[in-house]
């Protein structure tokens, strides 16, 4: 059967991609069938079903124009190749296609890992009670393991500048906000000024994931099978990952941005227990964690506004089925949450 004869999701030129697979991923025997994996609002992720019943995963940038430095497939492939040399669980990097004539954009292929991705409380409610605290501790421990890696040892020493992480991030996301905002929201500018004024001294540097949360992991049996979505990864201040994780570690009686957070199902370790686990494993001082939580809320508001912009331009594969009002409400919630952590009025 010709792969082009199947119903092919947007973003895949089945015949050309299948021919490239035959040359560079020969273990993925055809015919190939492509399935868009739901849940991503940035890079597009596809499960590639192979003729022998096995699967691999293909990642490519979103449809339409994107910011020049965003969605770099070669960079993301390099990161999982490097981190894959350590004990931090990641999918195995298989191949990279930089030739845009194949699929109109670069893409890379990685191993398919079976397990659950816990995007919401509905999904994590299916996790056995006995596995929730062990999984919580594993989330904190893996983050400490990531931050303990010396980037030079895994070929990632040139991933980014190590110093002044917060300064670089504040400049980057202020610029992104200006380029992709869909309305005026003065509180975002007020928060940016306050974050700059209160910026703490960076203590050490590490590989920073940039989007470290349960929804970006495959889990099972109280363990992490693989950490996913490395497109925001860089070098810098590891406390940024800690603040971001704490914002996503929502208790059952708290509100969350957008759909419910997975930990709202209950039975997971508390924020304070997560911080204690990470501190014990990393030896880091966590006294400034509230600043990093505010920074993470503000940064995610800027990212979410950029995603909203792409949906409004029809540049995302599932644009017709997406409630853009939900994105606006998320940005409002995130900016307000950042202001509350900083006591900005």
C-alpha atoms as a PDB file:
ATOM      1  CA  UNK A   1       0.000   0.000   0.000  1.00  0.00           C
ATOM      2  CA  UNK A   2       1.344   3.445  -0.913  1.00  0.00           C
ATOM      3  CA  UNK A   3       1.638   5.638   2.204  1.00  0.00           C
ATOM      4  CA  UNK A   4       0.177   8.528   0.243  1.00  0.00           C
ATOM      5  CA  UNK A   5      -3.040   6.529  -0.142  1.00  0.00           C
ATOM      6  CA  UNK A   6      -3.726   6.667   3.603  1.00  0.00           C
ATOM      7  CA  UNK A   7      -5.274   9.654   5.308  1.00  0.00           C
ATOM      8  CA  UNK A   8      -2.125  11.641   6.122  1.00  0.00           C
ATOM      9  CA  UNK A   9      -2.123  14.331   8.833  1.00  0.00           C
ATOM     10  CA  UNK A  10      -1.108  17.898   7.997  1.00  0.00           C
ATOM     11  CA  UNK A  11       2.613  18.498   8.112  1.00  0.00           C
ATOM     12  CA  UNK A  12       3.626  15.175   6.532  1.00  0.00           C
ATOM     13  CA  UNK A  13       4.454  14.483   2.874  1.00  0.00           C
ATOM     14  CA  UNK A  14       4.036  10.752   3.180  1.00  0.00           C
ATOM     15  CA  UNK A  15       5.721   9.584  -0.018  1.00  0.00           C
ATOM     16  CA  UNK A  16       8.842  11.738   0.347  1.00  0.00           C
ATOM     17  CA  UNK A  17       9.166  11.037   4.064  1.00  0.00           C
ATOM     18  CA  UNK A  18       8.756   7.291   3.477  1.00  0.00           C
ATOM     19  CA  UNK A  19      11.500   7.356   0.870  1.00  0.00           C
ATOM     20  CA  UNK A  20      13.770   9.224   3.284  1.00  0.00           C
ATOM     21  CA  UNK A  21      12.993   6.661   6.004  1.00  0.00           C
ATOM     22  CA  UNK A  22      13.989   3.845   3.650  1.00  0.00           C
ATOM     23  CA  UNK A  23      17.402   5.455   3.253  1.00  0.00           C
ATOM     24  CA  UNK A  24      18.086   6.724   6.778  1.00  0.00           C
ATOM     25  CA  UNK A  25      15.837   4.719   9.127  1.00  0.00           C
ATOM     26  CA  UNK A  26      15.899   1.293   7.449  1.00  0.00           C
ATOM     27  CA  UNK A  27      14.823  -0.462  10.656  1.00  0.00           C
ATOM     28  CA  UNK A  28      11.444   1.315  10.294  1.00  0.00           C
ATOM     29  CA  UNK A  29      10.102  -0.965   7.576  1.00  0.00           C
ATOM     30  CA  UNK A  30       7.288   0.290   5.364  1.00  0.00           C
ATOM     31  CA  UNK A  31       4.574   0.825   4.578  1.00  0.00           C
ATOM     32  CA  UNK A  32       4.453   3.721   7.038  1.00  0.00           C
ATOM     33  CA  UNK A  33       1.358   5.249   8.579  1.00  0.00           C
ATOM     34  CA  UNK A  34       1.515   8.662  10.282  1.00  0.00           C
ATOM     35  CA  UNK A  35      -0.575   9.676  13.282  1.00  0.00           C
ATOM     36  CA  UNK A  36      -0.535  13.156  14.834  1.00  0.00           C
ATOM     37  CA  UNK A  37      -0.101  12.782  18.588  1.00  0.00           C
ATOM     38  CA  UNK A  38      -2.438  15.123  20.436  1.00  0.00           C
ATOM     39  CA  UNK A  39      -1.326  17.412  23.243  1.00  0.00           C
ATOM     40  CA  UNK A  40       1.415  19.535  21.689  1.00  0.00           C
ATOM     41  CA  UNK A  41       0.936  23.256  20.994  1.00  0.00           C
ATOM     42  CA  UNK A  42       4.351  23.928  19.511  1.00  0.00           C
ATOM     43  CA  UNK A  43       6.461  21.413  17.622  1.00  0.00           C
ATOM     44  CA  UNK A  44       4.291  18.783  15.965  1.00  0.00           C
ATOM     45  CA  UNK A  45       4.792  15.183  17.062  1.00  0.00           C
ATOM     46  CA  UNK A  46       3.738  12.138  15.039  1.00  0.00           C
ATOM     47  CA  UNK A  47       3.721   8.458  15.815  1.00  0.00           C
ATOM     48  CA  UNK A  48       4.989   6.586  12.777  1.00  0.00           C
ATOM     49  CA  UNK A  49       3.471   3.098  12.558  1.00  0.00           C
ATOM     50  CA  UNK A  50       5.790   0.745  10.693  1.00  0.00           C
ATOM     51  CA  UNK A  51       4.891  -2.241   8.551  1.00  0.00           C
ATOM     52  CA  UNK A  52       6.171  -4.741  11.122  1.00  0.00           C
ATOM     53  CA  UNK A  53       3.986  -3.351  13.919  1.00  0.00           C
ATOM     54  CA  UNK A  54       6.715  -1.297  15.595  1.00  0.00           C
ATOM     55  CA  UNK A  55       6.639   2.482  15.969  1.00  0.00           C
ATOM     56  CA  UNK A  56       8.969   5.469  16.016  1.00  0.00           C
ATOM     57  CA  UNK A  57       8.273   9.166  16.571  1.00  0.00           C
ATOM     58  CA  UNK A  58       8.788  12.080  14.154  1.00  0.00           C
ATOM     59  CA  UNK A  59       9.082  15.699  15.344  1.00  0.00           C
ATOM     60  CA  UNK A  60       8.819  18.744  13.093  1.00  0.00           C
ATOM     61  CA  UNK A  61       8.173  22.494  13.567  1.00  0.00           C
ATOM     62  CA  UNK A  62       4.610  23.851  13.584  1.00  0.00           C
ATOM     63  CA  UNK A  63       3.004  24.776  10.285  1.00  0.00           C
ATOM     64  CA  UNK A  64       3.533  28.306   9.015  1.00  0.00           C
ATOM     65  CA  UNK A  65       6.101  30.973   9.862  1.00  0.00           C
ATOM     66  CA  UNK A  66       7.843  30.792  13.234  1.00  0.00           C
ATOM     67  CA  UNK A  67      10.373  33.001  15.015  1.00  0.00           C
ATOM     68  CA  UNK A  68      13.849  32.590  13.594  1.00  0.00           C
ATOM     69  CA  UNK A  69      15.441  30.914  16.614  1.00  0.00           C
ATOM     70  CA  UNK A  70      12.477  28.737  17.583  1.00  0.00           C
ATOM     71  CA  UNK A  71      11.714  25.108  16.767  1.00  0.00           C
ATOM     72  CA  UNK A  72      15.271  24.141  15.771  1.00  0.00           C
ATOM     73  CA  UNK A  73      15.090  20.438  15.000  1.00  0.00           C
ATOM     74  CA  UNK A  74      18.841  19.968  14.792  1.00  0.00           C
ATOM     75  CA  UNK A  75      19.264  21.515  18.209  1.00  0.00           C
ATOM     76  CA  UNK A  76      16.565  19.379  19.804  1.00  0.00           C
ATOM     77  CA  UNK A  77      18.021  16.239  18.212  1.00  0.00           C
ATOM     78  CA  UNK A  78      21.460  17.192  19.564  1.00  0.00           C
ATOM     79  CA  UNK A  79      20.053  17.688  23.077  1.00  0.00           C
ATOM     80  CA  UNK A  80      18.360  14.293  23.360  1.00  0.00           C
ATOM     81  CA  UNK A  81      21.453  12.673  21.819  1.00  0.00           C
ATOM     82  CA  UNK A  82      23.606  14.271  24.519  1.00  0.00           C
ATOM     83  CA  UNK A  83      21.303  13.769  27.493  1.00  0.00           C
ATOM     84  CA  UNK A  84      20.732  10.205  26.278  1.00  0.00           C
ATOM     85  CA  UNK A  85      24.330   9.416  27.262  1.00  0.00           C
ATOM     86  CA  UNK A  86      23.401   9.888  30.939  1.00  0.00           C
ATOM     87  CA  UNK A  87      20.992   8.270  33.400  1.00  0.00           C
ATOM     88  CA  UNK A  88      18.310  10.906  32.641  1.00  0.00           C
ATOM     89  CA  UNK A  89      15.600   8.982  30.746  1.00  0.00           C
ATOM     90  CA  UNK A  90      14.969  10.338  27.225  1.00  0.00           C
ATOM     91  CA  UNK A  91      13.847   8.791  23.925  1.00  0.00           C
ATOM     92  CA  UNK A  92      16.707   7.471  21.795  1.00  0.00           C
ATOM     93  CA  UNK A  93      17.706   9.808  18.955  1.00  0.00           C
ATOM     94  CA  UNK A  94      17.623   7.905  15.640  1.00  0.00           C
ATOM     95  CA  UNK A  95      18.054  10.285  12.696  1.00  0.00           C
ATOM     96  CA  UNK A  96      17.858  13.945  11.649  1.00  0.00           C
ATOM     97  CA  UNK A  97      16.642  15.328   8.306  1.00  0.00           C
ATOM     98  CA  UNK A  98      17.865  18.868   7.619  1.00  0.00           C
ATOM     99  CA  UNK A  99      16.803  18.760   3.951  1.00  0.00           C
ATOM    100  CA  UNK A 100      13.650  20.897   3.751  1.00  0.00           C
ATOM    101  CA  UNK A 101      12.802  19.556   0.286  1.00  0.00           C
ATOM    102  CA  UNK A 102      11.725  16.275   1.906  1.00  0.00           C
ATOM    103  CA  UNK A 103       8.965  17.629   4.144  1.00  0.00           C
ATOM    104  CA  UNK A 104       9.052  21.434   3.776  1.00  0.00           C
ATOM    105  CA  UNK A 105      10.777  21.681   7.174  1.00  0.00           C
ATOM    106  CA  UNK A 106      13.524  19.831   9.061  1.00  0.00           C
ATOM    107  CA  UNK A 107      12.466  16.915  11.254  1.00  0.00           C
ATOM    108  CA  UNK A 108      14.009  14.232  13.380  1.00  0.00           C
ATOM    109  CA  UNK A 109      13.142  10.693  14.368  1.00  0.00           C
ATOM    110  CA  UNK A 110      13.393   9.176  17.848  1.00  0.00           C
ATOM    111  CA  UNK A 111      12.327   6.001  19.557  1.00  0.00           C
ATOM    112  CA  UNK A 112       8.721   5.439  20.575  1.00  0.00           C
ATOM    113  CA  UNK A 113       8.419   4.853  24.330  1.00  0.00           C
ATOM    114  CA  UNK A 114       5.305   3.213  25.743  1.00  0.00           C
ATOM    115  CA  UNK A 115       3.623   4.595  28.842  1.00  0.00           C
ATOM    116  CA  UNK A 116       1.254   7.287  30.061  1.00  0.00           C
ATOM    117  CA  UNK A 117       1.560  11.036  29.506  1.00  0.00           C
ATOM    118  CA  UNK A 118      -0.233  12.737  32.386  1.00  0.00           C
ATOM    119  CA  UNK A 119      -1.621  15.946  30.916  1.00  0.00           C
ATOM    120  CA  UNK A 120      -4.497  16.329  33.366  1.00  0.00           C
ATOM    121  CA  UNK A 121      -6.071  15.064  36.571  1.00  0.00           C
ATOM    122  CA  UNK A 122      -8.326  12.740  34.565  1.00  0.00           C
ATOM    123  CA  UNK A 123      -5.272  10.860  33.287  1.00  0.00           C
ATOM    124  CA  UNK A 124      -3.358  10.847  36.561  1.00  0.00           C
ATOM    125  CA  UNK A 125      -6.470   9.597  38.374  1.00  0.00           C
ATOM    126  CA  UNK A 126      -5.763   6.293  36.603  1.00  0.00           C
ATOM    127  CA  UNK A 127      -2.328   6.070  38.250  1.00  0.00           C
ATOM    128  CA  UNK A 128      -2.499   3.631  41.201  1.00  0.00           C
ATOM    129  CA  UNK A 129      -2.389   5.406  44.552  1.00  0.00           C
ATOM    130  CA  UNK A 130       0.687   3.411  45.533  1.00  0.00           C
ATOM    131  CA  UNK A 131       2.631   4.846  42.564  1.00  0.00           C
ATOM    132  CA  UNK A 132       1.878   8.555  42.986  1.00  0.00           C
ATOM    133  CA  UNK A 133       4.369   9.463  45.731  1.00  0.00           C
ATOM    134  CA  UNK A 134       7.185   7.325  44.208  1.00  0.00           C
ATOM    135  CA  UNK A 135       6.542   9.020  40.859  1.00  0.00           C
ATOM    136  CA  UNK A 136       6.638  12.427  42.572  1.00  0.00           C
ATOM    137  CA  UNK A 137      10.008  11.698  44.128  1.00  0.00           C
ATOM    138  CA  UNK A 138      11.322  10.398  40.816  1.00  0.00           C
ATOM    139  CA  UNK A 139      10.278  13.662  39.115  1.00  0.00           C
ATOM    140  CA  UNK A 140      12.349  15.644  41.640  1.00  0.00           C
ATOM    141  CA  UNK A 141      15.290  13.244  41.529  1.00  0.00           C
ATOM    142  CA  UNK A 142      15.476  13.192  37.709  1.00  0.00           C
ATOM    143  CA  UNK A 143      15.492  16.990  37.671  1.00  0.00           C
ATOM    144  CA  UNK A 144      18.427  16.947  40.101  1.00  0.00           C
ATOM    145  CA  UNK A 145      20.164  14.373  37.880  1.00  0.00           C
ATOM    146  CA  UNK A 146      19.695  16.615  34.841  1.00  0.00           C
ATOM    147  CA  UNK A 147      21.106  19.604  36.689  1.00  0.00           C
ATOM    148  CA  UNK A 148      24.135  17.569  37.836  1.00  0.00           C
ATOM    149  CA  UNK A 149      25.258  16.846  34.246  1.00  0.00           C
ATOM    150  CA  UNK A 150      28.372  18.688  33.084  1.00  0.00           C
ATOM    151  CA  UNK A 151      27.315  19.874  29.607  1.00  0.00           C
ATOM    152  CA  UNK A 152      30.809  19.511  28.151  1.00  0.00           C
ATOM    153  CA  UNK A 153      30.789  15.810  29.063  1.00  0.00           C
ATOM    154  CA  UNK A 154      27.831  15.124  26.726  1.00  0.00           C
ATOM    155  CA  UNK A 155      28.664  17.463  23.858  1.00  0.00           C
ATOM    156  CA  UNK A 156      26.318  20.237  24.991  1.00  0.00           C
ATOM    157  CA  UNK A 157      28.821  22.772  26.251  1.00  0.00           C
ATOM    158  CA  UNK A 158      27.985  25.057  23.321  1.00  0.00           C
ATOM    159  CA  UNK A 159      24.215  24.862  23.799  1.00  0.00           C
ATOM    160  CA  UNK A 160      24.082  28.386  25.193  1.00  0.00           C
ATOM    161  CA  UNK A 161      25.762  30.889  27.453  1.00  0.00           C
ATOM    162  CA  UNK A 162      25.920  29.697  31.024  1.00  0.00           C
ATOM    163  CA  UNK A 163      25.933  33.084  32.754  1.00  0.00           C
ATOM    164  CA  UNK A 164      23.127  35.658  33.186  1.00  0.00           C
ATOM    165  CA  UNK A 165      20.389  33.163  32.372  1.00  0.00           C
ATOM    166  CA  UNK A 166      17.627  35.321  33.829  1.00  0.00           C
ATOM    167  CA  UNK A 167      18.836  38.420  31.987  1.00  0.00           C
ATOM    168  CA  UNK A 168      18.860  36.545  28.686  1.00  0.00           C
ATOM    169  CA  UNK A 169      15.463  35.013  29.310  1.00  0.00           C
ATOM    170  CA  UNK A 170      13.901  38.325  30.310  1.00  0.00           C
ATOM    171  CA  UNK A 171      15.173  39.931  27.102  1.00  0.00           C
ATOM    172  CA  UNK A 172      14.084  36.974  24.964  1.00  0.00           C
ATOM    173  CA  UNK A 173      10.529  36.699  26.264  1.00  0.00           C
ATOM    174  CA  UNK A 174       9.991  40.478  26.375  1.00  0.00           C
ATOM    175  CA  UNK A 175      10.916  40.479  22.692  1.00  0.00           C
ATOM    176  CA  UNK A 176       8.685  37.487  21.972  1.00  0.00           C
ATOM    177  CA  UNK A 177       5.793  39.150  23.780  1.00  0.00           C
ATOM    178  CA  UNK A 178       6.175  42.279  21.662  1.00  0.00           C
ATOM    179  CA  UNK A 179       6.387  40.271  18.437  1.00  0.00           C
ATOM    180  CA  UNK A 180       3.450  37.934  19.035  1.00  0.00           C
ATOM    181  CA  UNK A 181       1.026  39.633  21.443  1.00  0.00           C
ATOM    182  CA  UNK A 182      -2.564  39.762  20.224  1.00  0.00           C
ATOM    183  CA  UNK A 183      -3.677  42.625  22.535  1.00  0.00           C
ATOM    184  CA  UNK A 184      -2.237  45.119  24.994  1.00  0.00           C
ATOM    185  CA  UNK A 185      -1.750  43.736  28.514  1.00  0.00           C
ATOM    186  CA  UNK A 186       0.155  46.304  30.626  1.00  0.00           C
ATOM    187  CA  UNK A 187       0.593  43.902  33.552  1.00  0.00           C
ATOM    188  CA  UNK A 188       3.076  41.902  31.455  1.00  0.00           C
ATOM    189  CA  UNK A 189       5.318  44.971  31.144  1.00  0.00           C
ATOM    190  CA  UNK A 190       4.978  45.737  34.867  1.00  0.00           C
ATOM    191  CA  UNK A 191       5.999  42.200  35.802  1.00  0.00           C
ATOM    192  CA  UNK A 192       8.978  42.276  33.436  1.00  0.00           C
ATOM    193  CA  UNK A 193      10.248  45.479  35.083  1.00  0.00           C
ATOM    194  CA  UNK A 194       9.836  43.980  38.562  1.00  0.00           C
ATOM    195  CA  UNK A 195      11.592  40.752  37.585  1.00  0.00           C
ATOM    196  CA  UNK A 196      14.509  42.754  36.235  1.00  0.00           C
ATOM    197  CA  UNK A 197      14.722  44.863  39.400  1.00  0.00           C
ATOM    198  CA  UNK A 198      14.653  41.848  41.743  1.00  0.00           C
ATOM    199  CA  UNK A 199      16.816  39.485  39.697  1.00  0.00           C
ATOM    200  CA  UNK A 200      18.815  37.257  42.092  1.00  0.00           C
ATOM    201  CA  UNK A 201      22.435  36.313  41.570  1.00  0.00           C
ATOM    202  CA  UNK A 202      22.791  33.086  39.597  1.00  0.00           C
ATOM    203  CA  UNK A 203      24.507  30.345  41.601  1.00  0.00           C
ATOM    204  CA  UNK A 204      26.101  27.852  39.230  1.00  0.00           C
ATOM    205  CA  UNK A 205      24.795  26.730  35.852  1.00  0.00           C
ATOM    206  CA  UNK A 206      23.309  23.557  34.388  1.00  0.00           C
ATOM    207  CA  UNK A 207      21.315  22.092  31.522  1.00  0.00           C
ATOM    208  CA  UNK A 208      17.881  23.713  31.930  1.00  0.00           C
ATOM    209  CA  UNK A 209      14.990  21.770  30.402  1.00  0.00           C
ATOM    210  CA  UNK A 210      12.665  24.770  30.195  1.00  0.00           C
ATOM    211  CA  UNK A 211       9.335  22.869  30.268  1.00  0.00           C
ATOM    212  CA  UNK A 212       9.832  20.240  32.965  1.00  0.00           C
ATOM    213  CA  UNK A 213       6.451  18.874  34.131  1.00  0.00           C
ATOM    214  CA  UNK A 214       4.481  15.631  34.235  1.00  0.00           C
ATOM    215  CA  UNK A 215       2.734  16.473  30.963  1.00  0.00           C
ATOM    216  CA  UNK A 216       6.114  16.345  29.219  1.00  0.00           C
ATOM    217  CA  UNK A 217       7.036  12.914  30.521  1.00  0.00           C
ATOM    218  CA  UNK A 218       6.118   9.329  29.748  1.00  0.00           C
ATOM    219  CA  UNK A 219       5.601   7.488  33.019  1.00  0.00           C
ATOM    220  CA  UNK A 220       4.656   4.059  34.262  1.00  0.00           C
ATOM    221  CA  UNK A 221       4.998   1.913  37.361  1.00  0.00           C
ATOM    222  CA  UNK A 222       5.839   4.901  39.567  1.00  0.00           C
ATOM    223  CA  UNK A 223       8.838   5.750  37.366  1.00  0.00           C
ATOM    224  CA  UNK A 224       9.696   8.092  34.486  1.00  0.00           C
ATOM    225  CA  UNK A 225      10.138   6.254  31.187  1.00  0.00           C
ATOM    226  CA  UNK A 226      11.247   9.332  29.232  1.00  0.00           C
ATOM    227  CA  UNK A 227      11.398  13.111  29.542  1.00  0.00           C
ATOM    228  CA  UNK A 228      10.055  14.784  26.378  1.00  0.00           C
ATOM    229  CA  UNK A 229       9.837  18.201  24.655  1.00  0.00           C
ATOM    230  CA  UNK A 230      13.352  19.637  24.865  1.00  0.00           C
ATOM    231  CA  UNK A 231      12.798  22.535  22.454  1.00  0.00           C
ATOM    232  CA  UNK A 232      13.200  25.199  25.180  1.00  0.00           C
ATOM    233  CA  UNK A 233      16.301  23.584  26.681  1.00  0.00           C
ATOM    234  CA  UNK A 234      19.433  25.695  27.177  1.00  0.00           C
ATOM    235  CA  UNK A 235      22.244  26.270  29.650  1.00  0.00           C
ATOM    236  CA  UNK A 236      21.719  28.503  32.638  1.00  0.00           C
ATOM    237  CA  UNK A 237      20.113  28.779  36.050  1.00  0.00           C
ATOM    238  CA  UNK A 238      18.687  25.436  37.233  1.00  0.00           C
ATOM    239  CA  UNK A 239      16.346  27.202  39.634  1.00  0.00           C
ATOM    240  CA  UNK A 240      14.216  28.222  36.636  1.00  0.00           C
ATOM    241  CA  UNK A 241      13.225  24.566  36.192  1.00  0.00           C
ATOM    242  CA  UNK A 242      12.421  24.277  39.896  1.00  0.00           C
ATOM    243  CA  UNK A 243      10.137  27.319  39.868  1.00  0.00           C
ATOM    244  CA  UNK A 244       8.380  26.088  36.749  1.00  0.00           C
ATOM    245  CA  UNK A 245       7.839  22.609  38.186  1.00  0.00           C
ATOM    246  CA  UNK A 246       6.390  24.071  41.390  1.00  0.00           C
ATOM    247  CA  UNK A 247       3.869  26.127  39.392  1.00  0.00           C
ATOM    248  CA  UNK A 248       2.701  22.960  37.673  1.00  0.00           C
ATOM    249  CA  UNK A 249       2.607  20.931  40.900  1.00  0.00           C
ATOM    250  CA  UNK A 250      -0.961  21.964  41.779  1.00  0.00           C
ATOM    251  CA  UNK A 251      -2.814  20.608  44.791  1.00  0.00           C
ATOM    252  CA  UNK A 252      -6.463  19.462  44.541  1.00  0.00           C
ATOM    253  CA  UNK A 253      -7.787  22.680  46.116  1.00  0.00           C
ATOM    254  CA  UNK A 254      -5.919  25.048  43.768  1.00  0.00           C
ATOM    255  CA  UNK A 255      -6.785  26.543  40.412  1.00  0.00           C
ATOM    256  CA  UNK A 256      -4.594  25.847  37.385  1.00  0.00           C
ATOM    257  CA  UNK A 257      -4.163  27.455  33.999  1.00  0.00           C
ATOM    258  CA  UNK A 258      -6.264  25.878  31.271  1.00  0.00           C
ATOM    259  CA  UNK A 259      -7.140  22.219  31.751  1.00  0.00           C
ATOM    260  CA  UNK A 260      -6.576  20.705  35.153  1.00  0.00           C
ATOM    261  CA  UNK A 261      -3.056  19.917  36.310  1.00  0.00           C
ATOM    262  CA  UNK A 262      -2.265  16.201  36.743  1.00  0.00           C
ATOM    263  CA  UNK A 263      -1.448  16.531  40.450  1.00  0.00           C
ATOM    264  CA  UNK A 264      -4.947  17.887  41.136  1.00  0.00           C
ATOM    265  CA  UNK A 265      -6.024  14.242  41.262  1.00  0.00           C
ATOM    266  CA  UNK A 266      -4.431  14.110  44.717  1.00  0.00           C
ATOM    267  CA  UNK A 267      -2.174  11.555  46.337  1.00  0.00           C
ATOM    268  CA  UNK A 268       1.044  13.066  44.979  1.00  0.00           C
ATOM    269  CA  UNK A 269       3.809  14.527  47.131  1.00  0.00           C
ATOM    270  CA  UNK A 270       3.255  18.135  48.251  1.00  0.00           C
ATOM    271  CA  UNK A 271       5.219  21.087  46.903  1.00  0.00           C
ATOM    272  CA  UNK A 272       7.249  21.275  50.110  1.00  0.00           C
ATOM    273  CA  UNK A 273       8.040  17.560  49.901  1.00  0.00           C
ATOM    274  CA  UNK A 274       9.123  17.986  46.270  1.00  0.00           C
ATOM    275  CA  UNK A 275      11.376  20.881  47.206  1.00  0.00           C
ATOM    276  CA  UNK A 276      12.890  18.869  50.052  1.00  0.00           C
ATOM    277  CA  UNK A 277      13.548  15.924  47.720  1.00  0.00           C
ATOM    278  CA  UNK A 278      15.189  18.145  45.122  1.00  0.00           C
ATOM    279  CA  UNK A 279      17.245  20.009  47.757  1.00  0.00           C
ATOM    280  CA  UNK A 280      18.490  16.747  49.262  1.00  0.00           C
ATOM    281  CA  UNK A 281      19.449  15.390  45.831  1.00  0.00           C
ATOM    282  CA  UNK A 282      21.013  18.602  44.485  1.00  0.00           C
ATOM    283  CA  UNK A 283      22.301  20.421  47.563  1.00  0.00           C
ATOM    284  CA  UNK A 284      20.930  23.707  46.192  1.00  0.00           C
ATOM    285  CA  UNK A 285      19.614  26.697  48.152  1.00  0.00           C
ATOM    286  CA  UNK A 286      15.896  27.082  47.369  1.00  0.00           C
ATOM    287  CA  UNK A 287      15.217  30.266  49.357  1.00  0.00           C
ATOM    288  CA  UNK A 288      14.503  32.291  46.179  1.00  0.00           C
ATOM    289  CA  UNK A 289      12.028  29.829  44.709  1.00  0.00           C
ATOM    290  CA  UNK A 290       9.125  32.329  44.772  1.00  0.00           C
ATOM    291  CA  UNK A 291      10.989  34.676  42.412  1.00  0.00           C
ATOM    292  CA  UNK A 292      11.520  31.807  39.989  1.00  0.00           C
ATOM    293  CA  UNK A 293       7.869  30.849  40.234  1.00  0.00           C
ATOM    294  CA  UNK A 294       6.872  34.405  39.279  1.00  0.00           C
ATOM    295  CA  UNK A 295       9.349  34.395  36.408  1.00  0.00           C
ATOM    296  CA  UNK A 296       7.980  31.061  35.163  1.00  0.00           C
ATOM    297  CA  UNK A 297       4.368  32.278  35.236  1.00  0.00           C
ATOM    298  CA  UNK A 298       5.323  35.398  33.270  1.00  0.00           C
ATOM    299  CA  UNK A 299       7.424  33.463  30.762  1.00  0.00           C
ATOM    300  CA  UNK A 300       4.659  30.927  30.180  1.00  0.00           C
ATOM    301  CA  UNK A 301       2.192  33.770  29.618  1.00  0.00           C
ATOM    302  CA  UNK A 302       4.458  35.055  26.835  1.00  0.00           C
ATOM    303  CA  UNK A 303       4.783  31.563  25.357  1.00  0.00           C
ATOM    304  CA  UNK A 304       1.016  30.983  25.516  1.00  0.00           C
ATOM    305  CA  UNK A 305       0.346  34.285  23.786  1.00  0.00           C
ATOM    306  CA  UNK A 306       2.693  33.190  21.002  1.00  0.00           C
ATOM    307  CA  UNK A 307       0.769  29.943  20.600  1.00  0.00           C
ATOM    308  CA  UNK A 308      -2.500  31.900  20.533  1.00  0.00           C
ATOM    309  CA  UNK A 309      -1.050  34.073  17.780  1.00  0.00           C
ATOM    310  CA  UNK A 310      -0.233  30.996  15.681  1.00  0.00           C
ATOM    311  CA  UNK A 311      -3.725  29.559  16.183  1.00  0.00           C
ATOM    312  CA  UNK A 312      -5.308  32.831  15.094  1.00  0.00           C
ATOM    313  CA  UNK A 313      -3.170  32.760  11.946  1.00  0.00           C
ATOM    314  CA  UNK A 314      -4.183  29.144  11.232  1.00  0.00           C
ATOM    315  CA  UNK A 315      -0.607  27.902  11.610  1.00  0.00           C
ATOM    316  CA  UNK A 316      -1.440  24.978  13.913  1.00  0.00           C
ATOM    317  CA  UNK A 317      -2.705  21.605  12.718  1.00  0.00           C
ATOM    318  CA  UNK A 318      -5.731  21.526  15.064  1.00  0.00           C
ATOM    319  CA  UNK A 319      -6.675  25.224  14.777  1.00  0.00           C
ATOM    320  CA  UNK A 320     -10.331  24.595  13.895  1.00  0.00           C
ATOM    321  CA  UNK A 321     -10.916  22.533  17.032  1.00  0.00           C
ATOM    322  CA  UNK A 322      -9.231  24.894  19.504  1.00  0.00           C
ATOM    323  CA  UNK A 323     -10.969  27.397  21.805  1.00  0.00           C
ATOM    324  CA  UNK A 324      -8.797  30.504  21.484  1.00  0.00           C
ATOM    325  CA  UNK A 325     -10.713  32.217  24.297  1.00  0.00           C
ATOM    326  CA  UNK A 326      -9.241  29.558  26.583  1.00  0.00           C
ATOM    327  CA  UNK A 327      -5.754  30.682  25.587  1.00  0.00           C
ATOM    328  CA  UNK A 328      -6.576  34.327  26.381  1.00  0.00           C
ATOM    329  CA  UNK A 329      -7.901  33.294  29.784  1.00  0.00           C
ATOM    330  CA  UNK A 330      -4.735  31.265  30.401  1.00  0.00           C
ATOM    331  CA  UNK A 331      -2.519  34.235  29.628  1.00  0.00           C
ATOM    332  CA  UNK A 332      -4.589  36.408  31.986  1.00  0.00           C
ATOM    333  CA  UNK A 333      -4.373  33.758  34.726  1.00  0.00           C
ATOM    334  CA  UNK A 334      -0.612  33.317  34.302  1.00  0.00           C
ATOM    335  CA  UNK A 335       0.171  37.032  34.317  1.00  0.00           C
ATOM    336  CA  UNK A 336      -2.006  37.548  37.393  1.00  0.00           C
ATOM    337  CA  UNK A 337      -0.307  34.624  39.150  1.00  0.00           C
ATOM    338  CA  UNK A 338       3.118  36.122  38.407  1.00  0.00           C
ATOM    339  CA  UNK A 339       2.012  39.469  39.799  1.00  0.00           C
ATOM    340  CA  UNK A 340       0.743  37.802  42.975  1.00  0.00           C
ATOM    341  CA  UNK A 341       4.086  36.064  43.598  1.00  0.00           C
ATOM    342  CA  UNK A 342       5.812  39.452  43.289  1.00  0.00           C
ATOM    343  CA  UNK A 343       3.038  41.453  44.995  1.00  0.00           C
ATOM    344  CA  UNK A 344       2.754  43.651  41.885  1.00  0.00           C
ATOM    345  CA  UNK A 345      -0.505  45.615  41.621  1.00  0.00           C
END
